[in-house]
Amino acid sequence: MDKNQLYRLIPKVDTIMGREAIQKFDADLDRKHILTIVRQELEALRIFIDETDDVNAINQRIDSTESNIIKSLHHIVKGNLMSLINCTGVIVHTNLGRSILSDELFEEIKHKLISYTNLEYDLGSGNRGSRYSIVESLICLLTGAESAMIVNNNAAAVMLTLNTFSQNKDTIVSRGELVEIGGSFRIPEVMKMSGARLVEVGTTNKTRLSDYEHAISENTGTIMKVHTSNYKILGFSESVSIEALAELGKSTGIVLIEDLGSGTLVDFKPYGITHEPTVMESVEKGIDLVTFSGDKLLGGPQAGLIVGKKHLIDKMKKKPISQSASGR
């Protein structure tokens, strides 16, 4: 059987659209959307015939045309997001929705989501307000920081911070902290997008304070410390404490940034869990700006949080890029 004969076996659009199994979707989908799915499947079938010489495989594909269309329509109607049981042993699983909301919290949020709110409206003055003011004071209360702002995710938080204080300038980072985070985002790549120039110091396993000191120049914009939360270098290793880096930043006037990743807000040691550096510790020890995720250990929606010195965060809020980083 030649290809032209096989092409003639492809069902016509009107024939498919007239099938009872397809018409059942009229109650849930616009007819034009159903038509689009039908045409996509038929076009995929034409391509399959064009690229395949196996007649049996082609006949099977033709026979399954209607069932493939129905499967695609079901997928659109039902969506592909579904409830799962987490049996992985990882409570905050980045692939399974991260932290989940309690029923009580969801009920409280639901009443606000189904009505208009004062998201960017100052009820006192009657003028446009700031979305930051809704939760900024709460974040500052939790972390002990002077100020805070929220963006789309932690990568955006890092990028905005570096873009504000290190665009076309150097950012000093320990070579052992150039990590890759979820979704194959790598610290050097995020830095490049921000306009900052990466200056690596130390080695993979050992970085000393003198390494940072020797790397500082008149073109240094920031020093950045990255928490290696998903791996550890053990044995013959050395790193610089945040207290020492904070003192260095203070004495040189260079902005010190720490990317804490998941952003622990609770000391887990009393509960028998290995201690993770907390946001409050970084703020207390003098880090100028701390970035972390809002949708992992904090348990909120996808977000990146930046906390720290008020005059620095005020500068970031004025950057045009902060509008896109915060999803406006």
Protein backbone atom coordinates (compact mmCIF):
# COMPACT_ATOMS: atom_id res chain seq x y z
CA MET A 1 0.00 0.00 0.00
CA ASP A 2 1.55 3.31 -1.08
CA LYS A 3 1.53 6.51 1.00
CA ASN A 4 -1.31 8.12 -0.98
CA GLN A 5 -3.60 5.21 -0.14
CA LEU A 6 -2.65 5.52 3.51
CA TYR A 7 -3.33 9.27 3.49
CA ARG A 8 -6.84 8.54 2.20
CA LEU A 9 -7.49 6.41 5.30
CA ILE A 10 -7.12 9.46 7.57
CA PRO A 11 -10.59 10.31 8.97
CA LYS A 12 -12.11 13.60 7.85
CA VAL A 13 -12.47 16.42 10.36
CA ASP A 14 -16.27 16.55 9.98
CA THR A 15 -16.51 12.80 10.55
CA ILE A 16 -14.54 13.02 13.80
CA MET A 17 -16.45 16.09 14.98
CA GLY A 18 -19.74 14.24 14.38
CA ARG A 19 -18.84 11.29 16.59
CA GLU A 20 -20.96 10.99 19.72
CA ALA A 21 -17.90 10.41 21.94
CA ILE A 22 -16.44 13.73 20.73
CA GLN A 23 -19.70 15.67 20.98
CA LYS A 24 -19.95 14.79 24.68
CA PHE A 25 -17.19 17.32 25.31
CA ASP A 26 -19.40 20.18 24.06
CA ALA A 27 -20.67 20.69 27.60
CA ASP A 28 -17.16 21.43 28.91
CA LEU A 29 -15.26 22.92 25.98
CA ASP A 30 -15.86 25.49 23.28
CA ARG A 31 -16.43 23.81 19.91
CA LYS A 32 -13.50 25.67 18.35
CA HIS A 33 -11.14 24.26 20.99
CA ILE A 34 -12.34 20.73 20.28
CA LEU A 35 -11.78 21.40 16.58
CA THR A 36 -8.21 22.52 17.31
CA ILE A 37 -7.44 19.27 19.14
CA VAL A 38 -8.92 17.20 16.29
CA ARG A 39 -6.87 19.04 13.68
CA GLN A 40 -3.69 18.68 15.76
CA GLU A 41 -4.16 14.91 16.04
CA LEU A 42 -4.89 14.53 12.32
CA GLU A 43 -1.83 16.61 11.43
CA ALA A 44 0.30 14.45 13.75
CA LEU A 45 -1.11 11.39 11.97
CA ARG A 46 -0.13 12.80 8.55
CA ILE A 47 3.41 13.41 9.79
CA PHE A 48 3.56 9.87 11.22
CA ILE A 49 2.54 8.39 7.86
CA ASP A 50 5.07 10.59 6.08
CA GLU A 51 7.95 9.53 8.32
CA THR A 52 7.09 5.83 8.83
CA ASP A 53 7.31 2.91 6.43
CA ASP A 54 5.78 0.36 8.79
CA VAL A 55 2.27 -0.14 7.39
CA ASN A 56 1.08 -2.07 10.43
CA ALA A 57 2.19 0.72 12.75
CA ILE A 58 0.44 3.29 10.55
CA ASN A 59 -2.81 1.28 10.54
CA GLN A 60 -2.68 0.99 14.32
CA ARG A 61 -2.14 4.73 14.61
CA ILE A 62 -5.10 5.42 12.30
CA ASP A 63 -7.30 3.06 14.32
CA SER A 64 -6.37 4.87 17.53
CA THR A 65 -7.07 8.37 16.14
CA GLU A 66 -10.39 8.86 17.91
CA SER A 67 -9.15 7.43 21.22
CA ASN A 68 -6.10 9.73 21.08
CA ILE A 69 -8.35 12.75 20.54
CA ILE A 70 -10.61 11.71 23.42
CA LYS A 71 -7.56 11.28 25.65
CA SER A 72 -6.35 14.80 24.77
CA LEU A 73 -9.79 16.28 25.44
CA HIS A 74 -10.03 14.50 28.81
CA HIS A 75 -6.59 15.91 29.67
CA ILE A 76 -7.76 19.46 28.99
CA VAL A 77 -11.04 19.08 30.88
CA LYS A 78 -9.59 17.40 33.95
CA GLY A 79 -6.17 19.03 33.90
CA ASN A 80 -2.96 17.24 34.81
CA LEU A 81 -2.67 18.40 38.42
CA MET A 82 -3.88 15.82 40.91
CA SER A 83 -3.58 14.94 44.58
CA LEU A 84 -0.87 12.45 45.49
CA ILE A 85 0.25 10.57 48.59
CA ASN A 86 3.85 11.49 49.45
CA CYS A 87 5.69 8.26 50.23
CA THR A 88 9.16 9.60 49.37
CA GLY A 89 10.26 10.30 52.95
CA VAL A 90 10.94 13.93 51.97
CA ILE A 91 8.38 16.19 53.66
CA VAL A 92 9.09 19.39 51.72
CA HIS A 93 9.42 17.83 48.27
CA THR A 94 10.09 20.35 45.50
CA ASN A 95 8.52 18.07 42.86
CA LEU A 96 5.38 17.36 44.90
CA GLY A 97 4.22 20.90 45.62
CA ARG A 98 6.72 21.75 48.37
CA SER A 99 5.00 22.72 51.64
CA ILE A 100 1.27 22.09 51.78
CA LEU A 101 -1.33 24.36 53.38
CA SER A 102 -3.42 23.31 56.36
CA ASP A 103 -7.22 23.23 56.03
CA GLU A 104 -7.51 26.11 58.51
CA LEU A 105 -5.10 28.32 56.61
CA PHE A 106 -6.70 27.49 53.28
CA GLU A 107 -10.15 28.46 54.59
CA GLU A 108 -8.75 31.79 55.78
CA ILE A 109 -7.08 32.46 52.43
CA LYS A 110 -10.09 31.32 50.41
CA HIS A 111 -12.37 34.06 51.74
CA LYS A 112 -9.85 36.69 50.64
CA LEU A 113 -9.18 35.14 47.26
CA ILE A 114 -12.84 35.11 46.22
CA SER A 115 -13.29 38.83 46.88
CA TYR A 116 -11.55 42.08 46.06
CA THR A 117 -8.78 43.05 48.49
CA ASN A 118 -6.60 46.03 49.33
CA LEU A 119 -3.57 44.38 47.70
CA GLU A 120 -2.25 47.69 46.35
CA TYR A 121 -4.65 50.15 47.93
CA ASP A 122 -4.01 52.27 51.01
CA LEU A 123 -7.33 52.33 52.85
CA GLY A 124 -6.16 55.17 55.08
CA SER A 125 -5.24 57.64 52.33
CA GLY A 126 -7.50 56.32 49.59
CA ASN A 127 -4.53 56.21 47.23
CA ARG A 128 -2.56 53.46 45.56
CA GLY A 129 -0.57 51.51 48.12
CA SER A 130 2.28 49.00 48.04
CA ARG A 131 1.81 45.25 47.92
CA TYR A 132 4.93 44.94 50.06
CA SER A 133 3.19 46.64 52.99
CA ILE A 134 0.71 43.74 53.28
CA VAL A 135 3.27 41.28 54.63
CA GLU A 136 6.53 43.22 55.06
CA SER A 137 6.02 43.88 58.75
CA LEU A 138 5.26 40.18 59.36
CA ILE A 139 8.42 39.06 57.55
CA CYS A 140 10.48 41.58 59.51
CA LEU A 141 8.92 40.33 62.75
CA LEU A 142 9.82 36.74 61.87
CA THR A 143 13.38 37.46 60.76
CA GLY A 144 14.42 40.49 62.78
CA ALA A 145 15.30 42.38 59.59
CA GLU A 146 14.79 46.11 59.06
CA SER A 147 12.97 45.65 55.76
CA ALA A 148 11.78 43.00 53.31
CA MET A 149 10.45 42.52 49.81
CA ILE A 150 8.96 39.64 47.83
CA VAL A 151 9.67 38.53 44.26
CA ASN A 152 8.71 35.53 42.11
CA ASN A 153 11.27 33.02 43.41
CA ASN A 154 14.66 32.82 45.06
CA ALA A 155 16.53 32.91 41.74
CA ALA A 156 14.76 36.21 41.00
CA ALA A 157 15.68 37.45 44.48
CA VAL A 158 19.36 36.71 43.86
CA MET A 159 19.26 38.22 40.38
CA LEU A 160 17.54 41.43 41.52
CA THR A 161 19.95 41.85 44.43
CA LEU A 162 23.01 41.42 42.23
CA ASN A 163 21.57 43.58 39.46
CA THR A 164 21.03 46.41 41.95
CA PHE A 165 24.43 46.35 43.62
CA SER A 166 26.77 44.57 41.20
CA GLN A 167 25.65 45.38 37.68
CA ASN A 168 28.86 45.78 35.63
CA LYS A 169 30.79 45.20 38.85
CA ASP A 170 32.48 42.25 40.51
CA THR A 171 30.81 39.83 42.89
CA ILE A 172 33.19 37.74 44.99
CA VAL A 173 32.05 34.16 45.67
CA SER A 174 33.88 31.16 47.11
CA ARG A 175 34.56 28.53 44.47
CA GLY A 176 33.09 25.90 46.77
CA GLU A 177 29.75 27.73 46.83
CA LEU A 178 29.01 27.93 43.10
CA VAL A 179 26.06 25.58 43.43
CA GLU A 180 23.37 24.37 41.09
CA ILE A 181 19.87 24.78 42.49
CA GLY A 182 16.55 23.21 41.45
CA GLY A 183 15.59 23.28 37.78
CA SER A 184 19.28 23.35 36.69
CA PHE A 185 19.66 27.01 37.70
CA ARG A 186 23.33 27.60 38.45
CA ILE A 187 24.67 30.48 40.53
CA PRO A 188 27.14 31.61 37.81
CA GLU A 189 24.32 31.71 35.24
CA VAL A 190 22.00 33.71 37.50
CA MET A 191 24.88 36.11 38.16
CA LYS A 192 25.54 36.51 34.44
CA MET A 193 21.89 37.37 33.82
CA SER A 194 22.04 39.98 36.59
CA GLY A 195 24.94 41.79 34.93
CA ALA A 196 27.36 40.97 37.75
CA ARG A 197 30.87 39.70 37.02
CA LEU A 198 31.82 36.58 38.94
CA VAL A 199 35.11 36.60 40.82
CA GLU A 200 35.89 33.13 42.21
CA VAL A 201 38.09 32.87 45.29
CA GLY A 202 39.60 29.96 47.19
CA THR A 203 39.36 26.36 46.09
CA THR A 204 36.55 23.80 46.04
CA ASN A 205 37.34 22.62 49.56
CA LYS A 206 39.13 25.57 51.19
CA THR A 207 38.41 29.28 51.17
CA ARG A 208 39.98 31.69 53.66
CA LEU A 209 39.20 35.28 54.64
CA SER A 210 42.44 36.38 52.98
CA ASP A 211 41.11 35.05 49.66
CA TYR A 212 38.22 37.52 49.85
CA GLU A 213 40.48 40.35 51.00
CA HIS A 214 42.94 39.87 48.11
CA ALA A 215 40.10 39.79 45.56
CA ILE A 216 38.62 43.14 46.60
CA SER A 217 39.22 45.96 44.12
CA GLU A 218 37.74 49.34 43.29
CA ASN A 219 35.33 47.51 40.98
CA THR A 220 33.94 45.15 43.67
CA GLY A 221 30.20 45.59 44.06
CA THR A 222 29.25 42.76 46.40
CA ILE A 223 30.50 39.77 48.34
CA MET A 224 28.15 36.81 48.17
CA LYS A 225 27.91 33.75 50.40
CA VAL A 226 25.82 30.81 49.20
CA HIS A 227 24.50 28.19 51.62
CA THR A 228 25.33 24.73 50.25
CA SER A 229 22.15 23.22 51.65
CA ASN A 230 22.00 20.11 49.45
CA TYR A 231 25.56 18.85 49.93
CA LYS A 232 28.50 19.08 52.34
CA ILE A 233 32.25 19.10 51.89
CA LEU A 234 33.74 17.06 54.73
CA GLY A 235 37.28 16.35 55.83
CA PHE A 236 40.06 18.60 54.58
CA SER A 237 37.92 21.73 54.19
CA GLU A 238 37.63 25.29 55.42
CA SER A 239 35.16 28.13 54.91
CA VAL A 240 34.76 31.66 56.20
CA SER A 241 32.15 32.40 58.86
CA ILE A 242 29.44 34.94 58.18
CA GLU A 243 30.64 36.95 61.18
CA ALA A 244 34.07 37.38 59.56
CA LEU A 245 32.52 38.25 56.20
CA ALA A 246 30.14 40.72 57.86
CA GLU A 247 33.11 42.45 59.49
CA LEU A 248 34.92 42.57 56.15
CA GLY A 249 31.86 44.05 54.44
CA LYS A 250 31.45 46.63 57.18
CA SER A 251 35.09 47.72 57.07
CA THR A 252 35.15 48.02 53.27
CA GLY A 253 31.64 49.30 52.65
CA ILE A 254 30.93 46.40 50.29
CA VAL A 255 27.39 44.97 50.33
CA LEU A 256 27.35 41.44 51.74
CA ILE A 257 24.69 39.06 50.37
CA GLU A 258 23.80 35.59 51.58
CA ASP A 259 21.67 33.17 49.58
CA LEU A 260 20.13 30.78 52.11
CA GLY A 261 18.11 28.77 49.59
CA SER A 262 15.22 27.13 51.43
CA GLY A 263 15.39 29.72 54.20
CA THR A 264 15.12 28.03 57.58
CA LEU A 265 13.22 30.09 60.15
CA VAL A 266 13.28 27.58 63.00
CA ASP A 267 16.25 26.06 64.82
CA PHE A 268 15.58 22.33 64.41
CA LYS A 269 18.31 21.22 66.80
CA PRO A 270 15.97 20.92 69.85
CA TYR A 271 13.87 18.50 67.77
CA GLY A 272 16.79 16.20 67.07
CA ILE A 273 17.32 17.44 63.52
CA THR A 274 20.69 18.67 62.25
CA HIS A 275 21.03 22.43 62.62
CA GLU A 276 20.52 24.51 59.51
CA PRO A 277 21.56 28.20 59.44
CA THR A 278 18.48 30.35 60.02
CA VAL A 279 17.55 33.65 58.43
CA MET A 280 17.48 35.27 61.87
CA GLU A 281 21.08 34.19 62.56
CA SER A 282 22.28 35.76 59.31
CA VAL A 283 20.48 39.01 60.06
CA GLU A 284 21.80 39.11 63.64
CA LYS A 285 25.37 38.45 62.53
CA GLY A 286 25.41 41.39 60.16
CA ILE A 287 24.58 40.11 56.67
CA ASP A 288 23.31 43.11 54.68
CA LEU A 289 20.86 41.20 52.47
CA VAL A 290 19.56 37.63 52.81
CA THR A 291 17.65 35.88 50.03
CA PHE A 292 15.58 32.72 50.45
CA SER A 293 12.56 30.84 49.17
CA GLY A 294 9.06 31.51 50.44
CA ASP A 295 7.51 28.25 49.27
CA LYS A 296 9.69 25.65 50.97
CA LEU A 297 10.33 25.79 54.70
CA LEU A 298 8.23 28.93 55.17
CA GLY A 299 5.31 27.06 53.61
CA GLY A 300 3.83 29.79 51.44
CA PRO A 301 3.16 30.11 47.69
CA GLN A 302 6.03 30.25 45.21
CA ALA A 303 8.05 33.31 46.14
CA GLY A 304 11.52 34.65 46.76
CA LEU A 305 12.15 36.81 49.82
CA ILE A 306 14.82 39.44 50.39
CA VAL A 307 15.37 40.73 53.92
CA GLY A 308 17.97 43.05 55.37
CA LYS A 309 19.02 46.69 55.65
CA LYS A 310 16.21 49.11 54.86
CA HIS A 311 18.24 51.57 52.77
CA LEU A 312 19.42 48.73 50.53
CA ILE A 313 15.98 47.18 50.04
CA ASP A 314 14.49 50.63 49.37
CA LYS A 315 17.01 50.95 46.53
CA MET A 316 15.94 47.58 45.10
CA LYS A 317 12.26 48.50 45.22
CA LYS A 318 12.98 51.45 42.93
CA LYS A 319 14.65 49.33 40.26
CA PRO A 320 12.47 48.85 37.13
CA ILE A 321 13.49 45.17 37.06
CA SER A 322 11.80 44.67 40.45
CA GLN A 323 8.43 45.04 38.70
CA SER A 324 9.05 41.96 36.53
CA ALA A 325 10.83 40.07 39.33
CA SER A 326 7.77 40.50 41.54
CA GLY A 327 5.36 39.44 38.78
CA ARG A 328 3.75 42.79 38.00
